[in-house]
Amino acid sequence: MPKKATNLPPPPTKPSVFLEAPLLCLCTLRREDGPQYMDWLNDQETAQLLGGHLPLTLEREYEFLDPALTQTTDKGIILAIWLKDKQGRPTRLIGNVGLHNMNQRNQFAELGIFIGDKKCWSKGYGTEAMRTLVRYAFETLNLRKVTLRHFSHNARGRAAYLKVGFKEVGRYHEHLWVAGAWRDEVHMELFREEFLQPKASKPVGTKAR
């Protein structure tokens, strides 16, 4: 008798919405989306933005995905980014976003995000996904700071991080070899009060003294 195949994705299930934004939903992860994540992360342009340099097999993707499916919130949270239709239903998976290395005692976590669907790059979806998850981190999880790291050649990502409110606090210069060159690893942070109570803009017509 031939052995049954292992690591096959289960039948499709409906995405379960956890957080909503105007254009998208953040949903719980599904094991069946492993092959899609694998394809995205094997794309060289995407991989170089994330620091990947080795081929990703489906088995290795499941090694990441399976623990994430049962991870408790006090350790971190990873959510799938779905575009939604006019009725608010998730219709198209485009990437994921998460809070990692969460430290409840000191009230911080590290944010990570990638948009795998390249047709959805530069359309504001990553910015909206981050704002939604960061608000959840501050208002629901009671974190006081969210940090992130990115490579210096990721100009598109950096622009989105700045829009959300992250500020650069330092960098490791020429720290990692990525895409044929030594790249800086840039460190950024965002405090709760800066996100929830941004400085009011100066009224129109007010002169600087």
C-alpha atoms as a PDB file:
ATOM      1  CA  MET A   1       0.000   0.000   0.000  1.00  0.00           C
ATOM      2  CA  PRO A   2       1.429   3.436  -0.915  1.00  0.00           C
ATOM      3  CA  LYS A   3       1.964   5.826   1.973  1.00  0.00           C
ATOM      4  CA  LYS A   4      -0.453   8.696   2.302  1.00  0.00           C
ATOM      5  CA  ALA A   5       0.935  12.117   1.420  1.00  0.00           C
ATOM      6  CA  THR A   6       1.719  14.369   4.357  1.00  0.00           C
ATOM      7  CA  ASN A   7       1.597  18.142   4.785  1.00  0.00           C
ATOM      8  CA  LEU A   8      -1.241  18.504   2.315  1.00  0.00           C
ATOM      9  CA  PRO A   9      -3.371  21.607   2.920  1.00  0.00           C
ATOM     10  CA  PRO A  10      -6.866  20.904   4.283  1.00  0.00           C
ATOM     11  CA  PRO A  11     -10.017  21.815   2.358  1.00  0.00           C
ATOM     12  CA  PRO A  12     -10.614  25.587   2.096  1.00  0.00           C
ATOM     13  CA  THR A  13     -12.173  27.285   5.089  1.00  0.00           C
ATOM     14  CA  LYS A  14     -13.742  30.700   5.375  1.00  0.00           C
ATOM     15  CA  PRO A  15     -11.323  33.370   6.679  1.00  0.00           C
ATOM     16  CA  SER A  16     -12.167  34.383  10.248  1.00  0.00           C
ATOM     17  CA  VAL A  17     -12.091  38.170  10.657  1.00  0.00           C
ATOM     18  CA  PHE A  18     -10.366  39.431  13.823  1.00  0.00           C
ATOM     19  CA  LEU A  19      -9.794  43.147  13.110  1.00  0.00           C
ATOM     20  CA  GLU A  20     -11.315  45.380  10.440  1.00  0.00           C
ATOM     21  CA  ALA A  21     -10.152  48.496   8.622  1.00  0.00           C
ATOM     22  CA  PRO A  22     -11.839  50.503   5.857  1.00  0.00           C
ATOM     23  CA  LEU A  23     -10.197  48.576   2.987  1.00  0.00           C
ATOM     24  CA  LEU A  24      -9.116  45.309   4.550  1.00  0.00           C
ATOM     25  CA  CYS A  25      -9.569  42.707   7.269  1.00  0.00           C
ATOM     26  CA  LEU A  26      -6.985  41.130   9.518  1.00  0.00           C
ATOM     27  CA  CYS A  27      -7.916  37.469   9.814  1.00  0.00           C
ATOM     28  CA  THR A  28      -6.631  34.466  11.714  1.00  0.00           C
ATOM     29  CA  LEU A  29      -4.103  32.360   9.830  1.00  0.00           C
ATOM     30  CA  ARG A  30      -5.110  29.294   7.834  1.00  0.00           C
ATOM     31  CA  ARG A  31      -2.825  26.316   7.209  1.00  0.00           C
ATOM     32  CA  GLU A  32      -4.197  25.972   3.699  1.00  0.00           C
ATOM     33  CA  ASP A  33      -2.553  29.284   2.753  1.00  0.00           C
ATOM     34  CA  GLY A  34       0.922  27.806   3.269  1.00  0.00           C
ATOM     35  CA  PRO A  35       1.518  27.213  -0.478  1.00  0.00           C
ATOM     36  CA  GLN A  36       0.631  30.845  -1.248  1.00  0.00           C
ATOM     37  CA  TYR A  37       3.042  32.156   1.388  1.00  0.00           C
ATOM     38  CA  MET A  38       5.733  29.846   0.049  1.00  0.00           C
ATOM     39  CA  ASP A  39       5.322  31.208  -3.484  1.00  0.00           C
ATOM     40  CA  TRP A  40       5.452  34.819  -2.273  1.00  0.00           C
ATOM     41  CA  LEU A  41       8.529  34.287  -0.118  1.00  0.00           C
ATOM     42  CA  ASN A  42      10.388  32.527  -2.943  1.00  0.00           C
ATOM     43  CA  ASP A  43       9.956  35.600  -5.138  1.00  0.00           C
ATOM     44  CA  GLN A  44      13.430  37.155  -5.148  1.00  0.00           C
ATOM     45  CA  GLU A  45      12.296  40.783  -5.047  1.00  0.00           C
ATOM     46  CA  THR A  46      10.138  40.090  -2.001  1.00  0.00           C
ATOM     47  CA  ALA A  47      12.738  37.869  -0.323  1.00  0.00           C
ATOM     48  CA  GLN A  48      15.461  40.508  -0.638  1.00  0.00           C
ATOM     49  CA  LEU A  49      13.313  43.051   1.186  1.00  0.00           C
ATOM     50  CA  LEU A  50      12.915  40.571   4.040  1.00  0.00           C
ATOM     51  CA  GLY A  51      16.500  39.328   4.086  1.00  0.00           C
ATOM     52  CA  GLY A  52      15.693  35.884   2.694  1.00  0.00           C
ATOM     53  CA  HIS A  53      18.383  34.145   0.664  1.00  0.00           C
ATOM     54  CA  LEU A  54      17.512  30.422   0.682  1.00  0.00           C
ATOM     55  CA  PRO A  55      14.705  28.597  -1.133  1.00  0.00           C
ATOM     56  CA  LEU A  56      11.643  28.002   0.992  1.00  0.00           C
ATOM     57  CA  THR A  57       9.964  24.585   0.814  1.00  0.00           C
ATOM     58  CA  LEU A  58       6.396  23.912   1.829  1.00  0.00           C
ATOM     59  CA  GLU A  59       7.655  21.835   4.760  1.00  0.00           C
ATOM     60  CA  ARG A  60       9.700  24.765   6.058  1.00  0.00           C
ATOM     61  CA  GLU A  61       6.760  27.125   5.631  1.00  0.00           C
ATOM     62  CA  TYR A  62       4.610  24.780   7.722  1.00  0.00           C
ATOM     63  CA  GLU A  63       7.352  24.730  10.386  1.00  0.00           C
ATOM     64  CA  PHE A  64       6.665  28.464  10.776  1.00  0.00           C
ATOM     65  CA  LEU A  65       2.927  28.378  10.181  1.00  0.00           C
ATOM     66  CA  ASP A  66       1.933  25.473  12.433  1.00  0.00           C
ATOM     67  CA  PRO A  67       3.283  26.974  15.702  1.00  0.00           C
ATOM     68  CA  ALA A  68       1.745  30.332  14.741  1.00  0.00           C
ATOM     69  CA  LEU A  69      -1.670  28.678  14.504  1.00  0.00           C
ATOM     70  CA  THR A  70      -1.561  27.725  18.185  1.00  0.00           C
ATOM     71  CA  GLN A  71       0.545  30.592  19.542  1.00  0.00           C
ATOM     72  CA  THR A  72      -0.932  32.295  22.596  1.00  0.00           C
ATOM     73  CA  THR A  73      -1.435  36.048  22.461  1.00  0.00           C
ATOM     74  CA  ASP A  74       1.005  36.698  25.305  1.00  0.00           C
ATOM     75  CA  LYS A  75       3.827  35.491  23.033  1.00  0.00           C
ATOM     76  CA  GLY A  76       2.741  37.389  19.942  1.00  0.00           C
ATOM     77  CA  ILE A  77       0.098  37.519  17.250  1.00  0.00           C
ATOM     78  CA  ILE A  78       0.237  37.006  13.483  1.00  0.00           C
ATOM     79  CA  LEU A  79      -2.709  37.869  11.260  1.00  0.00           C
ATOM     80  CA  ALA A  80      -3.396  37.453   7.562  1.00  0.00           C
ATOM     81  CA  ILE A  81      -4.134  40.587   5.541  1.00  0.00           C
ATOM     82  CA  TRP A  82      -7.211  40.239   3.327  1.00  0.00           C
ATOM     83  CA  LEU A  83      -8.804  42.792   1.039  1.00  0.00           C
ATOM     84  CA  LYS A  84     -12.548  42.964   1.535  1.00  0.00           C
ATOM     85  CA  ASP A  85     -15.496  43.567  -0.752  1.00  0.00           C
ATOM     86  CA  LYS A  86     -18.223  46.194  -0.424  1.00  0.00           C
ATOM     87  CA  GLN A  87     -20.094  43.930   1.982  1.00  0.00           C
ATOM     88  CA  GLY A  88     -17.038  43.722   4.250  1.00  0.00           C
ATOM     89  CA  ARG A  89     -16.244  40.102   3.412  1.00  0.00           C
ATOM     90  CA  PRO A  90     -12.591  39.031   3.026  1.00  0.00           C
ATOM     91  CA  THR A  91     -12.007  38.165  -0.619  1.00  0.00           C
ATOM     92  CA  ARG A  92      -8.277  38.235  -1.383  1.00  0.00           C
ATOM     93  CA  LEU A  93      -5.242  37.295   0.719  1.00  0.00           C
ATOM     94  CA  ILE A  94      -2.334  39.707   0.156  1.00  0.00           C
ATOM     95  CA  GLY A  95       0.120  39.165   3.038  1.00  0.00           C
ATOM     96  CA  ASN A  96       0.412  39.124   6.802  1.00  0.00           C
ATOM     97  CA  VAL A  97       1.271  41.360   9.740  1.00  0.00           C
ATOM     98  CA  GLY A  98       2.239  40.474  13.284  1.00  0.00           C
ATOM     99  CA  LEU A  99       3.519  41.415  16.712  1.00  0.00           C
ATOM    100  CA  HIS A 100       6.550  39.367  17.749  1.00  0.00           C
ATOM    101  CA  ASN A 101       8.768  38.979  20.823  1.00  0.00           C
ATOM    102  CA  MET A 102       6.021  40.427  22.982  1.00  0.00           C
ATOM    103  CA  ASN A 103       7.102  41.410  26.481  1.00  0.00           C
ATOM    104  CA  GLN A 104       4.075  41.952  28.709  1.00  0.00           C
ATOM    105  CA  ARG A 105       6.096  43.032  31.747  1.00  0.00           C
ATOM    106  CA  ASN A 106       7.844  45.832  29.866  1.00  0.00           C
ATOM    107  CA  GLN A 107       4.908  46.388  27.489  1.00  0.00           C
ATOM    108  CA  PHE A 108       6.540  46.244  24.078  1.00  0.00           C
ATOM    109  CA  ALA A 109       6.524  44.090  20.962  1.00  0.00           C
ATOM    110  CA  GLU A 110       8.193  44.066  17.545  1.00  0.00           C
ATOM    111  CA  LEU A 111       6.107  44.550  14.423  1.00  0.00           C
ATOM    112  CA  GLY A 112       6.645  42.601  11.230  1.00  0.00           C
ATOM    113  CA  ILE A 113       4.771  42.852   7.928  1.00  0.00           C
ATOM    114  CA  PHE A 114       4.967  41.803   4.316  1.00  0.00           C
ATOM    115  CA  ILE A 115       2.671  42.289   1.345  1.00  0.00           C
ATOM    116  CA  GLY A 116       3.212  39.242  -0.825  1.00  0.00           C
ATOM    117  CA  ASP A 117       0.832  40.183  -3.634  1.00  0.00           C
ATOM    118  CA  LYS A 118       2.990  42.588  -5.664  1.00  0.00           C
ATOM    119  CA  LYS A 119      -0.094  43.976  -7.436  1.00  0.00           C
ATOM    120  CA  CYS A 120      -1.010  45.451  -4.043  1.00  0.00           C
ATOM    121  CA  TRP A 121       2.281  47.265  -3.445  1.00  0.00           C
ATOM    122  CA  SER A 122       2.236  51.067  -3.065  1.00  0.00           C
ATOM    123  CA  LYS A 123      -1.539  51.227  -2.546  1.00  0.00           C
ATOM    124  CA  GLY A 124      -1.611  51.960   1.168  1.00  0.00           C
ATOM    125  CA  TYR A 125      -2.676  48.487   2.271  1.00  0.00           C
ATOM    126  CA  GLY A 126       0.436  47.892   4.355  1.00  0.00           C
ATOM    127  CA  THR A 127       0.023  51.254   6.085  1.00  0.00           C
ATOM    128  CA  GLU A 128      -3.612  50.507   6.910  1.00  0.00           C
ATOM    129  CA  ALA A 129      -2.791  47.012   8.185  1.00  0.00           C
ATOM    130  CA  MET A 130      -0.056  48.354  10.458  1.00  0.00           C
ATOM    131  CA  ARG A 131      -2.227  51.146  11.848  1.00  0.00           C
ATOM    132  CA  THR A 132      -4.954  48.635  12.637  1.00  0.00           C
ATOM    133  CA  LEU A 133      -2.646  46.223  14.436  1.00  0.00           C
ATOM    134  CA  VAL A 134      -0.721  48.962  16.258  1.00  0.00           C
ATOM    135  CA  ARG A 135      -3.991  50.415  17.576  1.00  0.00           C
ATOM    136  CA  TYR A 136      -4.943  46.948  18.823  1.00  0.00           C
ATOM    137  CA  ALA A 137      -1.519  46.643  20.481  1.00  0.00           C
ATOM    138  CA  PHE A 138      -1.939  49.915  22.371  1.00  0.00           C
ATOM    139  CA  GLU A 139      -5.656  49.950  23.142  1.00  0.00           C
ATOM    140  CA  THR A 140      -6.346  46.248  23.758  1.00  0.00           C
ATOM    141  CA  LEU A 141      -3.037  44.629  24.702  1.00  0.00           C
ATOM    142  CA  ASN A 142      -1.983  47.712  26.700  1.00  0.00           C
ATOM    143  CA  LEU A 143       1.490  47.863  25.177  1.00  0.00           C
ATOM    144  CA  ARG A 144       3.382  51.137  25.524  1.00  0.00           C
ATOM    145  CA  LYS A 145       5.801  50.755  22.612  1.00  0.00           C
ATOM    146  CA  VAL A 146       6.055  48.917  19.293  1.00  0.00           C
ATOM    147  CA  THR A 147       9.394  48.547  17.536  1.00  0.00           C
ATOM    148  CA  LEU A 148      10.445  47.339  14.100  1.00  0.00           C
ATOM    149  CA  ARG A 149      13.522  46.707  11.981  1.00  0.00           C
ATOM    150  CA  HIS A 150      13.996  47.097   8.235  1.00  0.00           C
ATOM    151  CA  PHE A 151      16.786  47.126   5.672  1.00  0.00           C
ATOM    152  CA  SER A 152      18.030  50.457   4.363  1.00  0.00           C
ATOM    153  CA  HIS A 153      17.193  49.587   0.732  1.00  0.00           C
ATOM    154  CA  ASN A 154      13.494  49.107   1.560  1.00  0.00           C
ATOM    155  CA  ALA A 155      12.390  52.655   0.718  1.00  0.00           C
ATOM    156  CA  ARG A 156       8.768  51.654   0.110  1.00  0.00           C
ATOM    157  CA  GLY A 157       8.474  50.026   3.512  1.00  0.00           C
ATOM    158  CA  ARG A 158      10.197  52.928   5.260  1.00  0.00           C
ATOM    159  CA  ALA A 159       7.727  55.415   3.781  1.00  0.00           C
ATOM    160  CA  ALA A 160       4.850  53.350   5.181  1.00  0.00           C
ATOM    161  CA  TYR A 161       6.457  53.078   8.626  1.00  0.00           C
ATOM    162  CA  LEU A 162       6.882  56.852   8.786  1.00  0.00           C
ATOM    163  CA  LYS A 163       3.226  57.372   7.817  1.00  0.00           C
ATOM    164  CA  VAL A 164       2.142  55.212  10.740  1.00  0.00           C
ATOM    165  CA  GLY A 165       4.298  57.303  13.062  1.00  0.00           C
ATOM    166  CA  PHE A 166       7.450  55.223  13.591  1.00  0.00           C
ATOM    167  CA  LYS A 167      10.691  57.124  14.150  1.00  0.00           C
ATOM    168  CA  GLU A 168      14.215  55.945  13.477  1.00  0.00           C
ATOM    169  CA  VAL A 169      16.248  55.546  16.664  1.00  0.00           C
ATOM    170  CA  GLY A 170      19.443  54.086  15.227  1.00  0.00           C
ATOM    171  CA  ARG A 171      20.917  51.605  12.820  1.00  0.00           C
ATOM    172  CA  TYR A 172      23.582  48.952  12.415  1.00  0.00           C
ATOM    173  CA  HIS A 173      25.652  50.205   9.490  1.00  0.00           C
ATOM    174  CA  GLU A 174      26.488  47.764   6.669  1.00  0.00           C
ATOM    175  CA  HIS A 175      25.156  45.003   8.883  1.00  0.00           C
ATOM    176  CA  LEU A 176      23.825  42.375   6.465  1.00  0.00           C
ATOM    177  CA  TRP A 177      24.661  41.246   2.932  1.00  0.00           C
ATOM    178  CA  VAL A 178      21.424  41.524   0.944  1.00  0.00           C
ATOM    179  CA  ALA A 179      20.843  41.793  -2.809  1.00  0.00           C
ATOM    180  CA  GLY A 180      24.525  42.104  -3.664  1.00  0.00           C
ATOM    181  CA  ALA A 181      25.481  44.808  -1.155  1.00  0.00           C
ATOM    182  CA  TRP A 182      26.013  45.482   2.532  1.00  0.00           C
ATOM    183  CA  ARG A 183      22.821  46.968   3.960  1.00  0.00           C
ATOM    184  CA  ASP A 184      22.094  48.922   7.126  1.00  0.00           C
ATOM    185  CA  GLU A 185      19.616  47.447   9.577  1.00  0.00           C
ATOM    186  CA  VAL A 186      17.394  50.355  10.617  1.00  0.00           C
ATOM    187  CA  HIS A 187      15.675  50.357  14.024  1.00  0.00           C
ATOM    188  CA  MET A 188      12.437  52.282  14.611  1.00  0.00           C
ATOM    189  CA  GLU A 189       9.957  52.703  17.471  1.00  0.00           C
ATOM    190  CA  LEU A 190       6.511  54.128  18.178  1.00  0.00           C
ATOM    191  CA  PHE A 191       5.144  54.989  21.624  1.00  0.00           C
ATOM    192  CA  ARG A 192       1.486  54.690  22.553  1.00  0.00           C
ATOM    193  CA  GLU A 193       1.002  58.373  23.358  1.00  0.00           C
ATOM    194  CA  GLU A 194       2.553  59.414  20.049  1.00  0.00           C
ATOM    195  CA  PHE A 195       0.155  57.186  18.121  1.00  0.00           C
ATOM    196  CA  LEU A 196      -3.053  57.792  20.081  1.00  0.00           C
ATOM    197  CA  GLN A 197      -2.492  61.516  20.695  1.00  0.00           C
ATOM    198  CA  PRO A 198      -0.513  62.904  17.737  1.00  0.00           C
ATOM    199  CA  LYS A 199       0.544  66.521  17.925  1.00  0.00           C
ATOM    200  CA  ALA A 200      -2.148  68.854  16.664  1.00  0.00           C
ATOM    201  CA  SER A 201      -1.276  70.542  13.415  1.00  0.00           C
ATOM    202  CA  LYS A 202      -0.771  74.283  13.503  1.00  0.00           C
ATOM    203  CA  PRO A 203      -3.937  76.245  12.516  1.00  0.00           C
ATOM    204  CA  VAL A 204      -3.913  77.684   9.046  1.00  0.00           C
ATOM    205  CA  GLY A 205      -2.608  81.241   9.035  1.00  0.00           C
ATOM    206  CA  THR A 206      -0.723  80.969  12.305  1.00  0.00           C
ATOM    207  CA  LYS A 207       2.681  82.548  12.046  1.00  0.00           C
ATOM    208  CA  ALA A 208       5.760  81.031  13.598  1.00  0.00           C
ATOM    209  CA  ARG A 209       7.435  83.221  16.197  1.00  0.00           C
END
